[in-house]
Amino acid sequence: MASEPLNIPPALKPIAHYVKIAYQNESRDPVVHYWCLYYAVQTGMKVDKSPPSLQYLSSLLSILENSLIYKKRSQTYQVERNLKQIINA
C-alpha cells in the first residue's frame, strides 16, 4: 500500500496534501507521518463515504494500525488503564 499512497480517489482530493506530507516524512519523522495520515482519515470520512473512498481510507487505517506510533500509543493507554485499576482497587 505504501507504494501507491497518492492514488487518491477524486472525491478525496481535499486530503491529498496531508497524505503527501505523511509520505514525505515516513522515514524521516514517523510521528509526522502518523498524525498526517490520522488527520487525513478523519477528514476523509467527513468528505466522502463512497465505496472507492472508503476502500482508500481503510487502506490508510491499516497503515496507521501497523505503525510503531500506534502500537506505542496502545501500550501507553494499556499501562495507564492498568495503573488506574490498581489505584482504584
PDB file of N, CA and C in Angstrom:
ATOM      1  N   MET A   1       0.801  -1.192   0.000  1.00  0.00           N
ATOM      2  CA  MET A   1       0.000   0.000   0.000  1.00  0.00           C
ATOM      3  C   MET A   1       0.848   1.261   0.000  1.00  0.00           C
ATOM      4  N   ALA A   2       1.972   1.206   0.672  1.00  0.00           N
ATOM      5  CA  ALA A   2       2.814   2.388   0.747  1.00  0.00           C
ATOM      6  C   ALA A   2       3.355   2.786  -0.618  1.00  0.00           C
ATOM      7  N   SER A   3       3.396   1.859  -1.558  1.00  0.00           N
ATOM      8  CA  SER A   3       3.904   2.198  -2.884  1.00  0.00           C
ATOM      9  C   SER A   3       2.900   3.009  -3.695  1.00  0.00           C
ATOM     10  N   GLU A   4       1.636   3.020  -3.293  1.00  0.00           N
ATOM     11  CA  GLU A   4       0.600   3.752  -4.021  1.00  0.00           C
ATOM     12  C   GLU A   4      -0.176   4.701  -3.110  1.00  0.00           C
ATOM     13  N   PRO A   5       0.480   5.433  -2.232  1.00  0.00           N
ATOM     14  CA  PRO A   5      -0.268   6.252  -1.283  1.00  0.00           C
ATOM     15  C   PRO A   5      -0.970   7.438  -1.918  1.00  0.00           C
ATOM     16  N   LEU A   6      -0.495   7.875  -3.070  1.00  0.00           N
ATOM     17  CA  LEU A   6      -1.078   9.067  -3.667  1.00  0.00           C
ATOM     18  C   LEU A   6      -2.104   8.758  -4.750  1.00  0.00           C
ATOM     19  N   ASN A   7      -2.514   7.506  -4.884  1.00  0.00           N
ATOM     20  CA  ASN A   7      -3.602   7.154  -5.807  1.00  0.00           C
ATOM     21  C   ASN A   7      -4.930   7.427  -5.107  1.00  0.00           C
ATOM     22  N   ILE A   8      -5.153   8.682  -4.836  1.00  0.00           N
ATOM     23  CA  ILE A   8      -6.307   9.105  -4.053  1.00  0.00           C
ATOM     24  C   ILE A   8      -7.523   9.238  -4.963  1.00  0.00           C
ATOM     25  N   PRO A   9      -8.673   8.698  -4.540  1.00  0.00           N
ATOM     26  CA  PRO A   9      -9.896   8.883  -5.333  1.00  0.00           C
ATOM     27  C   PRO A   9     -10.193  10.379  -5.512  1.00  0.00           C
ATOM     28  N   PRO A  10     -10.734  10.760  -6.649  1.00  0.00           N
ATOM     29  CA  PRO A  10     -11.001  12.183  -6.916  1.00  0.00           C
ATOM     30  C   PRO A  10     -11.817  12.879  -5.823  1.00  0.00           C
ATOM     31  N   ALA A  11     -12.750  12.168  -5.223  1.00  0.00           N
ATOM     32  CA  ALA A  11     -13.585  12.784  -4.187  1.00  0.00           C
ATOM     33  C   ALA A  11     -12.795  13.129  -2.925  1.00  0.00           C
ATOM     34  N   LEU A  12     -11.623  12.512  -2.761  1.00  0.00           N
ATOM     35  CA  LEU A  12     -10.810  12.753  -1.563  1.00  0.00           C
ATOM     36  C   LEU A  12      -9.635  13.694  -1.827  1.00  0.00           C
ATOM     37  N   LYS A  13      -9.687  14.456  -2.889  1.00  0.00           N
ATOM     38  CA  LYS A  13      -8.597  15.394  -3.185  1.00  0.00           C
ATOM     39  C   LYS A  13      -8.327  16.378  -2.039  1.00  0.00           C
ATOM     40  N   PRO A  14      -9.336  16.757  -1.224  1.00  0.00           N
ATOM     41  CA  PRO A  14      -9.036  17.665  -0.108  1.00  0.00           C
ATOM     42  C   PRO A  14      -8.016  17.108   0.901  1.00  0.00           C
ATOM     43  N   ILE A  15      -7.835  15.793   0.944  1.00  0.00           N
ATOM     44  CA  ILE A  15      -6.865  15.232   1.897  1.00  0.00           C
ATOM     45  C   ILE A  15      -5.522  14.914   1.243  1.00  0.00           C
ATOM     46  N   ALA A  16      -5.409  15.132  -0.054  1.00  0.00           N
ATOM     47  CA  ALA A  16      -4.195  14.754  -0.791  1.00  0.00           C
ATOM     48  C   ALA A  16      -2.938  15.404  -0.219  1.00  0.00           C
ATOM     49  N   HIS A  17      -3.042  16.652   0.179  1.00  0.00           N
ATOM     50  CA  HIS A  17      -1.875  17.362   0.713  1.00  0.00           C
ATOM     51  C   HIS A  17      -1.354  16.684   1.986  1.00  0.00           C
ATOM     52  N   TYR A  18      -2.261  16.257   2.851  1.00  0.00           N
ATOM     53  CA  TYR A  18      -1.854  15.624   4.111  1.00  0.00           C
ATOM     54  C   TYR A  18      -1.232  14.251   3.873  1.00  0.00           C
ATOM     55  N   VAL A  19      -1.773  13.532   2.909  1.00  0.00           N
ATOM     56  CA  VAL A  19      -1.205  12.220   2.572  1.00  0.00           C
ATOM     57  C   VAL A  19       0.191  12.409   1.982  1.00  0.00           C
ATOM     58  N   LYS A  20       0.337  13.414   1.143  1.00  0.00           N
ATOM     59  CA  LYS A  20       1.643  13.692   0.538  1.00  0.00           C
ATOM     60  C   LYS A  20       2.671  14.043   1.617  1.00  0.00           C
ATOM     61  N   ILE A  21       2.303  14.907   2.545  1.00  0.00           N
ATOM     62  CA  ILE A  21       3.217  15.274   3.637  1.00  0.00           C
ATOM     63  C   ILE A  21       3.560  14.045   4.472  1.00  0.00           C
ATOM     64  N   ALA A  22       2.569  13.212   4.726  1.00  0.00           N
ATOM     65  CA  ALA A  22       2.803  11.997   5.513  1.00  0.00           C
ATOM     66  C   ALA A  22       3.887  11.146   4.874  1.00  0.00           C
ATOM     67  N   TYR A  23       3.787  10.928   3.578  1.00  0.00           N
ATOM     68  CA  TYR A  23       4.751  10.052   2.916  1.00  0.00           C
ATOM     69  C   TYR A  23       6.093  10.719   2.656  1.00  0.00           C
ATOM     70  N   GLN A  24       6.122  12.034   2.644  1.00  0.00           N
ATOM     71  CA  GLN A  24       7.409  12.725   2.560  1.00  0.00           C
ATOM     72  C   GLN A  24       8.188  12.557   3.864  1.00  0.00           C
ATOM     73  N   ASN A  25       7.463  12.336   4.957  1.00  0.00           N
ATOM     74  CA  ASN A  25       8.086  12.225   6.277  1.00  0.00           C
ATOM     75  C   ASN A  25       8.090  10.808   6.833  1.00  0.00           C
ATOM     76  N   GLU A  26       7.725   9.840   6.032  1.00  0.00           N
ATOM     77  CA  GLU A  26       7.575   8.462   6.522  1.00  0.00           C
ATOM     78  C   GLU A  26       8.828   7.955   7.236  1.00  0.00           C
ATOM     79  N   SER A  27       9.982   8.092   6.639  1.00  0.00           N
ATOM     80  CA  SER A  27      11.200   7.585   7.281  1.00  0.00           C
ATOM     81  C   SER A  27      11.900   8.659   8.106  1.00  0.00           C
ATOM     82  N   ARG A  28      11.719   9.901   7.734  1.00  0.00           N
ATOM     83  CA  ARG A  28      12.398  10.999   8.423  1.00  0.00           C
ATOM     84  C   ARG A  28      11.767  11.307   9.776  1.00  0.00           C
ATOM     85  N   ASP A  29      10.441  11.305   9.839  1.00  0.00           N
ATOM     86  CA  ASP A  29       9.741  11.647  11.076  1.00  0.00           C
ATOM     87  C   ASP A  29       8.447  10.837  11.165  1.00  0.00           C
ATOM     88  N   PRO A  30       8.513   9.640  11.747  1.00  0.00           N
ATOM     89  CA  PRO A  30       7.333   8.766  11.816  1.00  0.00           C
ATOM     90  C   PRO A  30       6.147   9.382  12.551  1.00  0.00           C
ATOM     91  N   VAL A  31       6.418  10.287  13.475  1.00  0.00           N
ATOM     92  CA  VAL A  31       5.319  10.928  14.203  1.00  0.00           C
ATOM     93  C   VAL A  31       4.518  11.827  13.261  1.00  0.00           C
ATOM     94  N   VAL A  32       5.203  12.595  12.440  1.00  0.00           N
ATOM     95  CA  VAL A  32       4.525  13.440  11.448  1.00  0.00           C
ATOM     96  C   VAL A  32       3.760  12.556  10.468  1.00  0.00           C
ATOM     97  N   HIS A  33       4.391  11.475  10.032  1.00  0.00           N
ATOM     98  CA  HIS A  33       3.740  10.525   9.124  1.00  0.00           C
ATOM     99  C   HIS A  33       2.426  10.028   9.729  1.00  0.00           C
ATOM    100  N   TYR A  34       2.483   9.591  10.973  1.00  0.00           N
ATOM    101  CA  TYR A  34       1.302   9.046  11.654  1.00  0.00           C
ATOM    102  C   TYR A  34       0.189  10.088  11.752  1.00  0.00           C
ATOM    103  N   TRP A  35       0.507  11.271  12.278  1.00  0.00           N
ATOM    104  CA  TRP A  35      -0.537  12.257  12.532  1.00  0.00           C
ATOM    105  C   TRP A  35      -1.105  12.858  11.252  1.00  0.00           C
ATOM    106  N   CYS A  36      -0.311  12.964  10.213  1.00  0.00           N
ATOM    107  CA  CYS A  36      -0.853  13.437   8.928  1.00  0.00           C
ATOM    108  C   CYS A  36      -1.840  12.424   8.353  1.00  0.00           C
ATOM    109  N   LEU A  37      -1.483  11.141   8.419  1.00  0.00           N
ATOM    110  CA  LEU A  37      -2.419  10.113   7.944  1.00  0.00           C
ATOM    111  C   LEU A  37      -3.667  10.070   8.816  1.00  0.00           C
ATOM    112  N   TYR A  38      -3.482  10.210  10.114  1.00  0.00           N
ATOM    113  CA  TYR A  38      -4.609  10.206  11.051  1.00  0.00           C
ATOM    114  C   TYR A  38      -5.591  11.332  10.697  1.00  0.00           C
ATOM    115  N   TYR A  39      -5.052  12.528  10.492  1.00  0.00           N
ATOM    116  CA  TYR A  39      -5.891  13.664  10.128  1.00  0.00           C
ATOM    117  C   TYR A  39      -6.554  13.445   8.772  1.00  0.00           C
ATOM    118  N   ALA A  40      -5.810  12.897   7.836  1.00  0.00           N
ATOM    119  CA  ALA A  40      -6.360  12.637   6.503  1.00  0.00           C
ATOM    120  C   ALA A  40      -7.544  11.677   6.578  1.00  0.00           C
ATOM    121  N   VAL A  41      -7.426  10.634   7.386  1.00  0.00           N
ATOM    122  CA  VAL A  41      -8.523   9.667   7.519  1.00  0.00           C
ATOM    123  C   VAL A  41      -9.731  10.333   8.166  1.00  0.00           C
ATOM    124  N   GLN A  42      -9.508  11.072   9.251  1.00  0.00           N
ATOM    125  CA  GLN A  42     -10.629  11.744   9.920  1.00  0.00           C
ATOM    126  C   GLN A  42     -11.339  12.709   8.974  1.00  0.00           C
ATOM    127  N   THR A  43     -10.573  13.494   8.257  1.00  0.00           N
ATOM    128  CA  THR A  43     -11.149  14.465   7.329  1.00  0.00           C
ATOM    129  C   THR A  43     -11.822  13.756   6.158  1.00  0.00           C
ATOM    130  N   GLY A  44     -11.179  12.733   5.645  1.00  0.00           N
ATOM    131  CA  GLY A  44     -11.731  11.979   4.521  1.00  0.00           C
ATOM    132  C   GLY A  44     -13.085  11.367   4.827  1.00  0.00           C
ATOM    133  N   MET A  45     -13.272  10.915   6.061  1.00  0.00           N
ATOM    134  CA  MET A  45     -14.565  10.329   6.450  1.00  0.00           C
ATOM    135  C   MET A  45     -15.684  11.366   6.402  1.00  0.00           C
ATOM    136  N   LYS A  46     -15.348  12.617   6.603  1.00  0.00           N
ATOM    137  CA  LYS A  46     -16.346  13.684   6.546  1.00  0.00           C
ATOM    138  C   LYS A  46     -16.603  14.140   5.107  1.00  0.00           C
ATOM    139  N   VAL A  47     -15.610  13.966   4.252  1.00  0.00           N
ATOM    140  CA  VAL A  47     -15.690  14.465   2.877  1.00  0.00           C
ATOM    141  C   VAL A  47     -16.520  13.553   1.980  1.00  0.00           C
ATOM    142  N   ASP A  48     -16.256  12.240   2.035  1.00  0.00           N
ATOM    143  CA  ASP A  48     -16.929  11.326   1.104  1.00  0.00           C
ATOM    144  C   ASP A  48     -16.960   9.915   1.674  1.00  0.00           C
ATOM    145  N   LYS A  49     -18.100   9.255   1.518  1.00  0.00           N
ATOM    146  CA  LYS A  49     -18.246   7.883   2.012  1.00  0.00           C
ATOM    147  C   LYS A  49     -18.618   6.905   0.898  1.00  0.00           C
ATOM    148  N   SER A  50     -18.212   7.217  -0.306  1.00  0.00           N
ATOM    149  CA  SER A  50     -18.464   6.298  -1.420  1.00  0.00           C
ATOM    150  C   SER A  50     -17.547   5.083  -1.278  1.00  0.00           C
ATOM    151  N   PRO A  51     -17.907   3.952  -1.903  1.00  0.00           N
ATOM    152  CA  PRO A  51     -17.070   2.741  -1.779  1.00  0.00           C
ATOM    153  C   PRO A  51     -15.592   2.933  -2.138  1.00  0.00           C
ATOM    154  N   PRO A  52     -15.247   3.634  -3.239  1.00  0.00           N
ATOM    155  CA  PRO A  52     -13.813   3.805  -3.514  1.00  0.00           C
ATOM    156  C   PRO A  52     -13.095   4.626  -2.430  1.00  0.00           C
ATOM    157  N   SER A  53     -13.786   5.633  -1.916  1.00  0.00           N
ATOM    158  CA  SER A  53     -13.187   6.458  -0.864  1.00  0.00           C
ATOM    159  C   SER A  53     -13.015   5.665   0.420  1.00  0.00           C
ATOM    160  N   LEU A  54     -14.028   4.905   0.780  1.00  0.00           N
ATOM    161  CA  LEU A  54     -13.929   4.097   1.999  1.00  0.00           C
ATOM    162  C   LEU A  54     -12.843   3.036   1.882  1.00  0.00           C
ATOM    163  N   GLN A  55     -12.687   2.479   0.703  1.00  0.00           N
ATOM    164  CA  GLN A  55     -11.628   1.489   0.496  1.00  0.00           C
ATOM    165  C   GLN A  55     -10.257   2.143   0.667  1.00  0.00           C
ATOM    166  N   TYR A  56     -10.088   3.322   0.111  1.00  0.00           N
ATOM    167  CA  TYR A  56      -8.814   4.037   0.244  1.00  0.00           C
ATOM    168  C   TYR A  56      -8.551   4.395   1.704  1.00  0.00           C
ATOM    169  N   LEU A  57      -9.566   4.929   2.382  1.00  0.00           N
ATOM    170  CA  LEU A  57      -9.402   5.305   3.788  1.00  0.00           C
ATOM    171  C   LEU A  57      -9.121   4.080   4.650  1.00  0.00           C
ATOM    172  N   SER A  58      -9.731   2.970   4.299  1.00  0.00           N
ATOM    173  CA  SER A  58      -9.465   1.721   5.014  1.00  0.00           C
ATOM    174  C   SER A  58      -8.005   1.301   4.862  1.00  0.00           C
ATOM    175  N   SER A  59      -7.451   1.501   3.678  1.00  0.00           N
ATOM    176  CA  SER A  59      -6.036   1.155   3.482  1.00  0.00           C
ATOM    177  C   SER A  59      -5.138   2.066   4.319  1.00  0.00           C
ATOM    178  N   LEU A  60      -5.518   3.340   4.437  1.00  0.00           N
ATOM    179  CA  LEU A  60      -4.745   4.242   5.297  1.00  0.00           C
ATOM    180  C   LEU A  60      -4.862   3.826   6.759  1.00  0.00           C
ATOM    181  N   LEU A  61      -6.053   3.407   7.167  1.00  0.00           N
ATOM    182  CA  LEU A  61      -6.231   2.936   8.546  1.00  0.00           C
ATOM    183  C   LEU A  61      -5.366   1.718   8.834  1.00  0.00           C
ATOM    184  N   SER A  62      -5.262   0.831   7.886  1.00  0.00           N
ATOM    185  CA  SER A  62      -4.405  -0.349   8.064  1.00  0.00           C
ATOM    186  C   SER A  62      -2.953   0.064   8.258  1.00  0.00           C
ATOM    187  N   ILE A  63      -2.526   1.044   7.499  1.00  0.00           N
ATOM    188  CA  ILE A  63      -1.158   1.552   7.647  1.00  0.00           C
ATOM    189  C   ILE A  63      -0.978   2.150   9.036  1.00  0.00           C
ATOM    190  N   LEU A  64      -1.967   2.921   9.489  1.00  0.00           N
ATOM    191  CA  LEU A  64      -1.885   3.514  10.827  1.00  0.00           C
ATOM    192  C   LEU A  64      -1.807   2.439  11.907  1.00  0.00           C
ATOM    193  N   GLU A  65      -2.654   1.423  11.790  1.00  0.00           N
ATOM    194  CA  GLU A  65      -2.689   0.371  12.805  1.00  0.00           C
ATOM    195  C   GLU A  65      -1.399  -0.435  12.852  1.00  0.00           C
ATOM    196  N   ASN A  66      -0.693  -0.503  11.759  1.00  0.00           N
ATOM    197  CA  ASN A  66       0.563  -1.247  11.720  1.00  0.00           C
ATOM    198  C   ASN A  66       1.778  -0.386  12.055  1.00  0.00           C
ATOM    199  N   SER A  67       1.542   0.881  12.305  1.00  0.00           N
ATOM    200  CA  SER A  67       2.674   1.767  12.580  1.00  0.00           C
ATOM    201  C   SER A  67       3.160   1.611  14.015  1.00  0.00           C
ATOM    202  N   LEU A  68       4.419   1.886  14.208  1.00  0.00           N
ATOM    203  CA  LEU A  68       5.029   1.798  15.526  1.00  0.00           C
ATOM    204  C   LEU A  68       4.414   2.811  16.483  1.00  0.00           C
ATOM    205  N   ILE A  69       4.081   3.994  15.990  1.00  0.00           N
ATOM    206  CA  ILE A  69       3.489   5.038  16.825  1.00  0.00           C
ATOM    207  C   ILE A  69       2.174   4.543  17.407  1.00  0.00           C
ATOM    208  N   TYR A  70       1.332   3.915  16.588  1.00  0.00           N
ATOM    209  CA  TYR A  70       0.049   3.392  17.053  1.00  0.00           C
ATOM    210  C   TYR A  70       0.263   2.351  18.138  1.00  0.00           C
ATOM    211  N   LYS A  71       1.212   1.466  17.931  1.00  0.00           N
ATOM    212  CA  LYS A  71       1.480   0.411  18.905  1.00  0.00           C
ATOM    213  C   LYS A  71       1.960   0.996  20.221  1.00  0.00           C
ATOM    214  N   LYS A  72       2.789   2.027  20.153  1.00  0.00           N
ATOM    215  CA  LYS A  72       3.264   2.674  21.379  1.00  0.00           C
ATOM    216  C   LYS A  72       2.120   3.374  22.095  1.00  0.00           C
ATOM    217  N   ARG A  73       1.236   4.039  21.337  1.00  0.00           N
ATOM    218  CA  ARG A  73       0.079   4.702  21.950  1.00  0.00           C
ATOM    219  C   ARG A  73      -0.816   3.674  22.625  1.00  0.00           C
ATOM    220  N   SER A  74      -1.014   2.535  21.990  1.00  0.00           N
ATOM    221  CA  SER A  74      -1.852   1.482  22.561  1.00  0.00           C
ATOM    222  C   SER A  74      -1.236   0.938  23.837  1.00  0.00           C
ATOM    223  N   GLN A  75       0.072   0.742  23.834  1.00  0.00           N
ATOM    224  CA  GLN A  75       0.753   0.250  25.030  1.00  0.00           C
ATOM    225  C   GLN A  75       0.652   1.271  26.155  1.00  0.00           C
ATOM    226  N   THR A  76       0.819   2.543  25.833  1.00  0.00           N
ATOM    227  CA  THR A  76       0.720   3.598  26.841  1.00  0.00           C
ATOM    228  C   THR A  76      -0.680   3.621  27.429  1.00  0.00           C
ATOM    229  N   TYR A  77      -1.693   3.522  26.584  1.00  0.00           N
ATOM    230  CA  TYR A  77      -3.071   3.506  27.056  1.00  0.00           C
ATOM    231  C   TYR A  77      -3.302   2.323  27.985  1.00  0.00           C
ATOM    232  N   GLN A  78      -2.788   1.163  27.624  1.00  0.00           N
ATOM    233  CA  GLN A  78      -2.967  -0.039  28.442  1.00  0.00           C
ATOM    234  C   GLN A  78      -2.298   0.134  29.802  1.00  0.00           C
ATOM    235  N   VAL A  79      -1.114   0.699  29.828  1.00  0.00           N
ATOM    236  CA  VAL A  79      -0.408   0.932  31.092  1.00  0.00           C
ATOM    237  C   VAL A  79      -1.202   1.905  31.955  1.00  0.00           C
ATOM    238  N   GLU A  80      -1.695   2.990  31.364  1.00  0.00           N
ATOM    239  CA  GLU A  80      -2.491   3.961  32.111  1.00  0.00           C
ATOM    240  C   GLU A  80      -3.749   3.314  32.678  1.00  0.00           C
ATOM    241  N   ARG A  81      -4.406   2.494  31.882  1.00  0.00           N
ATOM    242  CA  ARG A  81      -5.617   1.816  32.334  1.00  0.00           C
ATOM    243  C   ARG A  81      -5.317   0.870  33.494  1.00  0.00           C
ATOM    244  N   ASN A  82      -4.223   0.128  33.388  1.00  0.00           N
ATOM    245  CA  ASN A  82      -3.842  -0.784  34.466  1.00  0.00           C
ATOM    246  C   ASN A  82      -3.511  -0.023  35.740  1.00  0.00           C
ATOM    247  N   LEU A  83      -2.819   1.104  35.605  1.00  0.00           N
ATOM    248  CA  LEU A  83      -2.490   1.907  36.784  1.00  0.00           C
ATOM    249  C   LEU A  83      -3.751   2.438  37.457  1.00  0.00           C
ATOM    250  N   LYS A  84      -4.711   2.892  36.677  1.00  0.00           N
ATOM    251  CA  LYS A  84      -5.966   3.385  37.248  1.00  0.00           C
ATOM    252  C   LYS A  84      -6.694   2.276  37.992  1.00  0.00           C
ATOM    253  N   GLN A  85      -6.677   1.069  37.444  1.00  0.00           N
ATOM    254  CA  GLN A  85      -7.327  -0.059  38.111  1.00  0.00           C
ATOM    255  C   GLN A  85      -6.639  -0.375  39.428  1.00  0.00           C
ATOM    256  N   ILE A  86      -5.316  -0.322  39.442  1.00  0.00           N
ATOM    257  CA  ILE A  86      -4.569  -0.603  40.670  1.00  0.00           C
ATOM    258  C   ILE A  86      -4.837   0.470  41.714  1.00  0.00           C
ATOM    259  N   ILE A  87      -4.844   1.730  41.290  1.00  0.00           N
ATOM    260  CA  ILE A  87      -5.071   2.837  42.221  1.00  0.00           C
ATOM    261  C   ILE A  87      -6.477   2.780  42.791  1.00  0.00           C
ATOM    262  N   ASN A  88      -7.454   2.438  41.976  1.00  0.00           N
ATOM    263  CA  ASN A  88      -8.848   2.408  42.418  1.00  0.00           C
ATOM    264  C   ASN A  88      -9.227   1.115  43.122  1.00  0.00           C
ATOM    265  N   ALA A  89      -8.322   0.157  43.196  1.00  0.00           N
ATOM    266  CA  ALA A  89      -8.638  -1.134  43.829  1.00  0.00           C
ATOM    267  C   ALA A  89      -8.651  -1.028  45.332  1.00  0.00           C
TER     268      ALA A  89
END
